[in-house]
Amino acid sequence: MPLKRRLPRSVSAPVFEKTSRRNVIDILTIKLRDFLPFSRERRRRSNENQAGSTPPASANNISPNQMPASPRLSPNEWQFAFDHVIYDVDGRAQFTKFLQSEYSEENILFWWAVEELKAVGISEGRAKFESTVQEMYDTFIAAESPLAINIDHDTRTDIIGLVEGKDPSTFPENIYERAQAHVYRLMEKDCFSRFVHTSAYKDVAKKLSLPQTFRFNGITRLQPSTAVVVQAASN
């Protein structure tokens, strides 16, 4: 069953006959809650050690100005704010709660799991990477998976072709990155535009010194128009 094999060392894997959406969400939330900041910090430390830099501060205490560089960060305030929310421990927790209220938390959980997978491939060896790929496939991609993500047909078909009936040794390291990018754009363009209206976002924005209004083409708006968001997401 999905996610029965891989939980934090301090958590015993539950045994259940039927996996409900709620069960999987609860397990994933426990499993991933503290992993992402740790995994990003571990990768950053590895990169800095290779470059001869000084060790970084604890990931849980990284301020917005110290946030590890992300290839997705851009000068666009909307995308900048979204990135800071999902990479911050508290921001991500509040955004996840919001998505739960919309029954779409599978998006952030999948995005988060792909971040974990990247760290697994670096630090825990090929065997762990392969088992994690299969767990994620069973949970988010396979037919009747409990947390099926909303991705385009071609992307889903390509992933199925890479996993179904294949030797795990052939799983490519970037197997889910295209799907992750799709889910990221969906959350940024759609879900985040509603999240910014909530008091939870206002609290997160205050903590992270993020804008509560956004400027696009010289016009101040709470959120960008759909056309602007689509253009930003395609960059």
C-alpha atoms as a PDB file:
ATOM      1  CA  MET A   1       0.000   0.000   0.000  1.00  0.00           C
ATOM      2  CA  PRO A   2       1.234   3.572  -0.601  1.00  0.00           C
ATOM      3  CA  LEU A   3       3.509   5.109   1.984  1.00  0.00           C
ATOM      4  CA  LYS A   4       3.595   2.155   4.390  1.00  0.00           C
ATOM      5  CA  ARG A   5       7.308   1.698   3.970  1.00  0.00           C
ATOM      6  CA  ARG A   6       8.693   5.184   4.359  1.00  0.00           C
ATOM      7  CA  LEU A   7       7.967   7.249   7.446  1.00  0.00           C
ATOM      8  CA  PRO A   8      10.245   9.273   9.716  1.00  0.00           C
ATOM      9  CA  ARG A   9      12.395   7.036  11.879  1.00  0.00           C
ATOM     10  CA  SER A  10      10.527   8.216  14.975  1.00  0.00           C
ATOM     11  CA  VAL A  11       7.123   7.180  13.576  1.00  0.00           C
ATOM     12  CA  SER A  12       6.000   3.570  13.242  1.00  0.00           C
ATOM     13  CA  ALA A  13       4.282   2.730   9.969  1.00  0.00           C
ATOM     14  CA  PRO A  14       0.605   1.967  10.590  1.00  0.00           C
ATOM     15  CA  VAL A  15      -0.892  -1.213   9.183  1.00  0.00           C
ATOM     16  CA  PHE A  16      -4.257  -0.786   7.531  1.00  0.00           C
ATOM     17  CA  GLU A  17      -6.227  -2.799   5.002  1.00  0.00           C
ATOM     18  CA  LYS A  18      -7.843   0.092   3.164  1.00  0.00           C
ATOM     19  CA  THR A  19      -6.161   3.412   2.479  1.00  0.00           C
ATOM     20  CA  SER A  20      -8.526   6.370   2.620  1.00  0.00           C
ATOM     21  CA  ARG A  21      -7.704   9.846   1.365  1.00  0.00           C
ATOM     22  CA  ARG A  22      -7.703  11.100   4.962  1.00  0.00           C
ATOM     23  CA  ASN A  23      -5.327   8.345   6.110  1.00  0.00           C
ATOM     24  CA  VAL A  24      -2.863   9.093   3.340  1.00  0.00           C
ATOM     25  CA  ILE A  25      -3.027  12.836   3.959  1.00  0.00           C
ATOM     26  CA  ASP A  26      -2.388  12.352   7.676  1.00  0.00           C
ATOM     27  CA  ILE A  27       0.555  10.028   7.021  1.00  0.00           C
ATOM     28  CA  LEU A  28       2.048  12.352   4.412  1.00  0.00           C
ATOM     29  CA  THR A  29       1.669  15.388   6.639  1.00  0.00           C
ATOM     30  CA  ILE A  30       3.499  13.652   9.489  1.00  0.00           C
ATOM     31  CA  LYS A  31       6.084  12.244   7.142  1.00  0.00           C
ATOM     32  CA  LEU A  32       6.889  15.466   5.323  1.00  0.00           C
ATOM     33  CA  ARG A  33       6.267  18.082   8.016  1.00  0.00           C
ATOM     34  CA  ASP A  34       9.878  18.563   9.055  1.00  0.00           C
ATOM     35  CA  PHE A  35      11.670  17.006   6.116  1.00  0.00           C
ATOM     36  CA  LEU A  36      11.685  19.775   3.522  1.00  0.00           C
ATOM     37  CA  PRO A  37      13.584  22.451   5.474  1.00  0.00           C
ATOM     38  CA  PHE A  38      16.026  19.758   6.607  1.00  0.00           C
ATOM     39  CA  SER A  39      16.517  18.390   3.099  1.00  0.00           C
ATOM     40  CA  ARG A  40      16.981  21.851   1.553  1.00  0.00           C
ATOM     41  CA  GLU A  41      19.481  22.741   4.277  1.00  0.00           C
ATOM     42  CA  ARG A  42      21.343  19.471   3.743  1.00  0.00           C
ATOM     43  CA  ARG A  43      21.616  20.058   0.005  1.00  0.00           C
ATOM     44  CA  ARG A  44      22.683  23.668   0.549  1.00  0.00           C
ATOM     45  CA  ARG A  45      25.318  22.617   3.091  1.00  0.00           C
ATOM     46  CA  SER A  46      26.657  20.025   0.658  1.00  0.00           C
ATOM     47  CA  ASN A  47      26.907  22.610  -2.130  1.00  0.00           C
ATOM     48  CA  GLU A  48      28.579  25.173   0.120  1.00  0.00           C
ATOM     49  CA  ASN A  49      31.056  22.653   1.480  1.00  0.00           C
ATOM     50  CA  GLN A  50      32.037  21.803  -2.075  1.00  0.00           C
ATOM     51  CA  ALA A  51      32.566  25.502  -2.745  1.00  0.00           C
ATOM     52  CA  GLY A  52      34.507  25.985   0.498  1.00  0.00           C
ATOM     53  CA  SER A  53      31.901  28.254   2.080  1.00  0.00           C
ATOM     54  CA  THR A  54      31.016  28.552   5.725  1.00  0.00           C
ATOM     55  CA  PRO A  55      28.299  26.333   7.184  1.00  0.00           C
ATOM     56  CA  PRO A  56      24.794  27.843   6.959  1.00  0.00           C
ATOM     57  CA  ALA A  57      22.401  28.599   9.783  1.00  0.00           C
ATOM     58  CA  SER A  58      19.624  26.243  10.781  1.00  0.00           C
ATOM     59  CA  ALA A  59      16.982  25.905   8.054  1.00  0.00           C
ATOM     60  CA  ASN A  60      14.188  26.509  10.523  1.00  0.00           C
ATOM     61  CA  ASN A  61      15.631  29.950  11.313  1.00  0.00           C
ATOM     62  CA  ILE A  62      16.324  31.139   7.764  1.00  0.00           C
ATOM     63  CA  SER A  63      14.960  34.655   7.273  1.00  0.00           C
ATOM     64  CA  PRO A  64      13.483  35.782   3.938  1.00  0.00           C
ATOM     65  CA  ASN A  65      16.753  37.511   3.067  1.00  0.00           C
ATOM     66  CA  GLN A  66      18.709  34.318   3.825  1.00  0.00           C
ATOM     67  CA  MET A  67      16.353  31.924   2.042  1.00  0.00           C
ATOM     68  CA  PRO A  68      18.283  29.455  -0.135  1.00  0.00           C
ATOM     69  CA  ALA A  69      18.290  30.466  -3.768  1.00  0.00           C
ATOM     70  CA  SER A  70      15.618  28.741  -5.822  1.00  0.00           C
ATOM     71  CA  PRO A  71      15.629  28.456  -9.607  1.00  0.00           C
ATOM     72  CA  ARG A  72      11.970  29.482  -9.494  1.00  0.00           C
ATOM     73  CA  LEU A  73      12.516  32.830  -7.755  1.00  0.00           C
ATOM     74  CA  SER A  74      11.977  35.799 -10.062  1.00  0.00           C
ATOM     75  CA  PRO A  75      11.636  39.576  -9.742  1.00  0.00           C
ATOM     76  CA  ASN A  76       7.872  39.134 -10.126  1.00  0.00           C
ATOM     77  CA  GLU A  77       6.429  39.950  -6.695  1.00  0.00           C
ATOM     78  CA  TRP A  78       3.636  37.394  -7.027  1.00  0.00           C
ATOM     79  CA  GLN A  79       5.967  34.485  -7.712  1.00  0.00           C
ATOM     80  CA  PHE A  80       8.473  35.804  -5.169  1.00  0.00           C
ATOM     81  CA  ALA A  81       5.789  35.791  -2.449  1.00  0.00           C
ATOM     82  CA  PHE A  82       4.509  32.361  -3.435  1.00  0.00           C
ATOM     83  CA  ASP A  83       7.991  30.839  -3.306  1.00  0.00           C
ATOM     84  CA  HIS A  84       8.649  32.275   0.140  1.00  0.00           C
ATOM     85  CA  VAL A  85       5.340  30.957   1.451  1.00  0.00           C
ATOM     86  CA  ILE A  86       5.863  27.370   0.290  1.00  0.00           C
ATOM     87  CA  TYR A  87       9.524  27.209   1.337  1.00  0.00           C
ATOM     88  CA  ASP A  88       8.856  28.580   4.822  1.00  0.00           C
ATOM     89  CA  VAL A  89       7.799  26.033   7.471  1.00  0.00           C
ATOM     90  CA  ASP A  90       4.914  28.101   8.865  1.00  0.00           C
ATOM     91  CA  GLY A  91       3.925  29.508   5.486  1.00  0.00           C
ATOM     92  CA  ARG A  92       3.745  26.066   3.945  1.00  0.00           C
ATOM     93  CA  ALA A  93       1.697  24.768   6.882  1.00  0.00           C
ATOM     94  CA  GLN A  94      -0.854  27.577   6.514  1.00  0.00           C
ATOM     95  CA  PHE A  95      -1.053  27.130   2.746  1.00  0.00           C
ATOM     96  CA  THR A  96      -1.538  23.378   3.218  1.00  0.00           C
ATOM     97  CA  LYS A  97      -4.410  24.010   5.653  1.00  0.00           C
ATOM     98  CA  PHE A  98      -5.981  26.315   3.092  1.00  0.00           C
ATOM     99  CA  LEU A  99      -5.679  23.670   0.372  1.00  0.00           C
ATOM    100  CA  GLN A 100      -7.223  21.122   2.724  1.00  0.00           C
ATOM    101  CA  SER A 101     -10.261  23.382   3.000  1.00  0.00           C
ATOM    102  CA  GLU A 102     -10.511  23.212  -0.799  1.00  0.00           C
ATOM    103  CA  TYR A 103      -9.855  19.448  -0.929  1.00  0.00           C
ATOM    104  CA  SER A 104      -6.785  20.009  -3.091  1.00  0.00           C
ATOM    105  CA  GLU A 105      -3.932  19.389  -0.653  1.00  0.00           C
ATOM    106  CA  GLU A 106      -2.580  16.656  -2.922  1.00  0.00           C
ATOM    107  CA  ASN A 107      -0.923  19.447  -4.925  1.00  0.00           C
ATOM    108  CA  ILE A 108       1.318  20.767  -2.157  1.00  0.00           C
ATOM    109  CA  LEU A 109       1.920  17.239  -0.824  1.00  0.00           C
ATOM    110  CA  PHE A 110       3.121  16.078  -4.248  1.00  0.00           C
ATOM    111  CA  TRP A 111       5.280  19.156  -4.763  1.00  0.00           C
ATOM    112  CA  TRP A 112       6.732  18.616  -1.305  1.00  0.00           C
ATOM    113  CA  ALA A 113       7.334  14.899  -1.946  1.00  0.00           C
ATOM    114  CA  VAL A 114       9.292  15.711  -5.121  1.00  0.00           C
ATOM    115  CA  GLU A 115      11.514  18.014  -3.073  1.00  0.00           C
ATOM    116  CA  GLU A 116      12.092  15.124  -0.690  1.00  0.00           C
ATOM    117  CA  LEU A 117      12.829  12.793  -3.593  1.00  0.00           C
ATOM    118  CA  LYS A 118      15.590  15.115  -4.795  1.00  0.00           C
ATOM    119  CA  ALA A 119      17.234  14.915  -1.372  1.00  0.00           C
ATOM    120  CA  VAL A 120      16.794  11.137  -1.232  1.00  0.00           C
ATOM    121  CA  GLY A 121      18.616  10.756  -4.533  1.00  0.00           C
ATOM    122  CA  ILE A 122      21.552  12.768  -3.200  1.00  0.00           C
ATOM    123  CA  SER A 123      21.909  11.395   0.312  1.00  0.00           C
ATOM    124  CA  GLU A 124      20.321   7.967   0.669  1.00  0.00           C
ATOM    125  CA  GLY A 125      21.311   6.005  -2.383  1.00  0.00           C
ATOM    126  CA  ARG A 126      19.671   4.561  -5.453  1.00  0.00           C
ATOM    127  CA  ALA A 127      17.627   1.859  -3.694  1.00  0.00           C
ATOM    128  CA  LYS A 128      15.854   4.414  -1.482  1.00  0.00           C
ATOM    129  CA  PHE A 129      15.266   6.635  -4.508  1.00  0.00           C
ATOM    130  CA  GLU A 130      13.636   3.778  -6.417  1.00  0.00           C
ATOM    131  CA  SER A 131      11.334   2.793  -3.546  1.00  0.00           C
ATOM    132  CA  THR A 132      10.299   6.425  -3.062  1.00  0.00           C
ATOM    133  CA  VAL A 133       9.511   6.811  -6.764  1.00  0.00           C
ATOM    134  CA  GLN A 134       7.231   3.776  -6.546  1.00  0.00           C
ATOM    135  CA  GLU A 135       5.508   5.045  -3.380  1.00  0.00           C
ATOM    136  CA  MET A 136       4.842   8.400  -4.998  1.00  0.00           C
ATOM    137  CA  TYR A 137       3.530   6.705  -8.120  1.00  0.00           C
ATOM    138  CA  ASP A 138       1.111   4.575  -6.088  1.00  0.00           C
ATOM    139  CA  THR A 139      -0.064   7.609  -4.137  1.00  0.00           C
ATOM    140  CA  PHE A 140      -0.307  10.378  -6.736  1.00  0.00           C
ATOM    141  CA  ILE A 141      -0.191   8.961 -10.284  1.00  0.00           C
ATOM    142  CA  ALA A 142      -1.551   5.409 -10.611  1.00  0.00           C
ATOM    143  CA  ALA A 143      -5.157   4.666 -11.537  1.00  0.00           C
ATOM    144  CA  GLU A 144      -7.373   5.047  -8.449  1.00  0.00           C
ATOM    145  CA  SER A 145      -4.473   6.469  -6.436  1.00  0.00           C
ATOM    146  CA  PRO A 146      -5.779   8.021  -3.198  1.00  0.00           C
ATOM    147  CA  LEU A 147      -4.294  11.464  -3.907  1.00  0.00           C
ATOM    148  CA  ALA A 148      -4.323  11.672  -7.701  1.00  0.00           C
ATOM    149  CA  ILE A 149      -2.890  14.996  -8.850  1.00  0.00           C
ATOM    150  CA  ASN A 150      -4.374  17.067 -11.652  1.00  0.00           C
ATOM    151  CA  ILE A 151      -1.753  17.004 -14.407  1.00  0.00           C
ATOM    152  CA  ASP A 152      -2.047  16.969 -18.176  1.00  0.00           C
ATOM    153  CA  HIS A 153      -2.604  13.693 -20.009  1.00  0.00           C
ATOM    154  CA  ASP A 154       0.785  13.659 -21.748  1.00  0.00           C
ATOM    155  CA  THR A 155       2.722  14.131 -18.514  1.00  0.00           C
ATOM    156  CA  ARG A 156       0.758  11.410 -16.736  1.00  0.00           C
ATOM    157  CA  THR A 157       1.137   9.033 -19.683  1.00  0.00           C
ATOM    158  CA  ASP A 158       4.889   9.633 -19.818  1.00  0.00           C
ATOM    159  CA  ILE A 159       5.263   8.856 -16.098  1.00  0.00           C
ATOM    160  CA  ILE A 160       3.158   5.708 -16.400  1.00  0.00           C
ATOM    161  CA  GLY A 161       5.373   4.585 -19.269  1.00  0.00           C
ATOM    162  CA  LEU A 162       8.473   5.094 -17.131  1.00  0.00           C
ATOM    163  CA  VAL A 163       7.134   3.140 -14.130  1.00  0.00           C
ATOM    164  CA  GLU A 164       4.574   0.502 -15.111  1.00  0.00           C
ATOM    165  CA  GLY A 165       6.284  -2.810 -15.776  1.00  0.00           C
ATOM    166  CA  LYS A 166       9.731  -1.243 -15.744  1.00  0.00           C
ATOM    167  CA  ASP A 167      12.813  -2.240 -13.772  1.00  0.00           C
ATOM    168  CA  PRO A 168      13.230   0.368 -10.996  1.00  0.00           C
ATOM    169  CA  SER A 169      16.874   0.737 -11.977  1.00  0.00           C
ATOM    170  CA  THR A 170      15.646   2.557 -15.101  1.00  0.00           C
ATOM    171  CA  PHE A 171      13.719   5.257 -13.190  1.00  0.00           C
ATOM    172  CA  PRO A 172      15.216   8.618 -14.276  1.00  0.00           C
ATOM    173  CA  GLU A 173      16.261  11.053 -11.564  1.00  0.00           C
ATOM    174  CA  ASN A 174      13.968  13.761 -12.942  1.00  0.00           C
ATOM    175  CA  ILE A 175      10.958  11.462 -13.320  1.00  0.00           C
ATOM    176  CA  TYR A 176       8.526  13.766 -11.497  1.00  0.00           C
ATOM    177  CA  GLU A 177      10.001  17.194 -12.152  1.00  0.00           C
ATOM    178  CA  ARG A 178       7.748  17.957 -15.134  1.00  0.00           C
ATOM    179  CA  ALA A 179       4.675  17.043 -13.074  1.00  0.00           C
ATOM    180  CA  GLN A 180       6.033  19.073 -10.163  1.00  0.00           C
ATOM    181  CA  ALA A 181       6.388  22.124 -12.408  1.00  0.00           C
ATOM    182  CA  HIS A 182       2.799  21.656 -13.604  1.00  0.00           C
ATOM    183  CA  VAL A 183       1.474  21.432 -10.043  1.00  0.00           C
ATOM    184  CA  TYR A 184       3.598  24.409  -8.998  1.00  0.00           C
ATOM    185  CA  ARG A 185       2.098  26.562 -11.758  1.00  0.00           C
ATOM    186  CA  LEU A 186      -1.411  25.423 -10.837  1.00  0.00           C
ATOM    187  CA  MET A 187      -0.928  26.377  -7.192  1.00  0.00           C
ATOM    188  CA  GLU A 188       0.725  29.689  -8.023  1.00  0.00           C
ATOM    189  CA  LYS A 189      -1.813  30.701 -10.665  1.00  0.00           C
ATOM    190  CA  ASP A 190      -5.001  29.424  -9.056  1.00  0.00           C
ATOM    191  CA  CYS A 191      -4.797  28.416  -5.386  1.00  0.00           C
ATOM    192  CA  PHE A 192      -2.466  31.184  -4.229  1.00  0.00           C
ATOM    193  CA  SER A 193      -4.728  33.845  -5.766  1.00  0.00           C
ATOM    194  CA  ARG A 194      -7.407  32.793  -3.281  1.00  0.00           C
ATOM    195  CA  PHE A 195      -5.038  32.207  -0.384  1.00  0.00           C
ATOM    196  CA  VAL A 196      -3.850  35.838  -0.443  1.00  0.00           C
ATOM    197  CA  HIS A 197      -7.363  36.931   0.573  1.00  0.00           C
ATOM    198  CA  THR A 198      -7.183  35.013   3.858  1.00  0.00           C
ATOM    199  CA  SER A 199      -6.105  36.163   7.301  1.00  0.00           C
ATOM    200  CA  ALA A 200      -3.631  33.262   7.323  1.00  0.00           C
ATOM    201  CA  TYR A 201      -1.766  34.807   4.385  1.00  0.00           C
ATOM    202  CA  LYS A 202      -1.766  38.211   6.083  1.00  0.00           C
ATOM    203  CA  ASP A 203      -0.087  36.651   9.126  1.00  0.00           C
ATOM    204  CA  VAL A 204       2.468  34.821   6.976  1.00  0.00           C
ATOM    205  CA  ALA A 205       3.129  37.945   4.904  1.00  0.00           C
ATOM    206  CA  LYS A 206       3.794  39.968   8.042  1.00  0.00           C
ATOM    207  CA  LYS A 207       6.204  37.348   9.390  1.00  0.00           C
ATOM    208  CA  LEU A 208       8.112  37.026   6.100  1.00  0.00           C
ATOM    209  CA  SER A 209       7.905  40.723   5.142  1.00  0.00           C
ATOM    210  CA  LEU A 210       5.967  39.879   1.993  1.00  0.00           C
ATOM    211  CA  PRO A 211       3.664  42.257   0.119  1.00  0.00           C
ATOM    212  CA  GLN A 212      -0.050  42.151   0.831  1.00  0.00           C
ATOM    213  CA  THR A 213      -0.765  43.946  -2.430  1.00  0.00           C
ATOM    214  CA  PHE A 214       1.023  43.383  -5.719  1.00  0.00           C
ATOM    215  CA  ARG A 215       1.998  45.756  -8.522  1.00  0.00           C
ATOM    216  CA  PHE A 216       1.652  44.694 -12.158  1.00  0.00           C
ATOM    217  CA  ASN A 217       2.312  47.110 -15.020  1.00  0.00           C
ATOM    218  CA  GLY A 218       2.169  50.016 -12.595  1.00  0.00           C
ATOM    219  CA  ILE A 219      -1.253  49.023 -11.240  1.00  0.00           C
ATOM    220  CA  THR A 220      -1.661  47.956  -7.616  1.00  0.00           C
ATOM    221  CA  ARG A 221      -3.798  44.840  -7.214  1.00  0.00           C
ATOM    222  CA  LEU A 222      -4.320  42.258  -4.512  1.00  0.00           C
ATOM    223  CA  GLN A 223      -3.618  39.607  -7.129  1.00  0.00           C
ATOM    224  CA  PRO A 224      -2.533  39.609 -10.776  1.00  0.00           C
ATOM    225  CA  SER A 225      -4.900  39.086 -13.645  1.00  0.00           C
ATOM    226  CA  THR A 226      -5.096  35.595 -15.110  1.00  0.00           C
ATOM    227  CA  ALA A 227      -3.151  36.695 -18.169  1.00  0.00           C
ATOM    228  CA  VAL A 228      -0.311  38.070 -16.059  1.00  0.00           C
ATOM    229  CA  VAL A 229      -0.171  34.933 -13.923  1.00  0.00           C
ATOM    230  CA  VAL A 230      -0.147  32.655 -16.960  1.00  0.00           C
ATOM    231  CA  GLN A 231       2.674  34.681 -18.474  1.00  0.00           C
ATOM    232  CA  ALA A 232       4.673  34.548 -15.231  1.00  0.00           C
ATOM    233  CA  ALA A 233       4.091  30.820 -14.836  1.00  0.00           C
ATOM    234  CA  SER A 234       5.281  30.103 -18.366  1.00  0.00           C
ATOM    235  CA  ASN A 235       8.645  31.804 -17.786  1.00  0.00           C
END
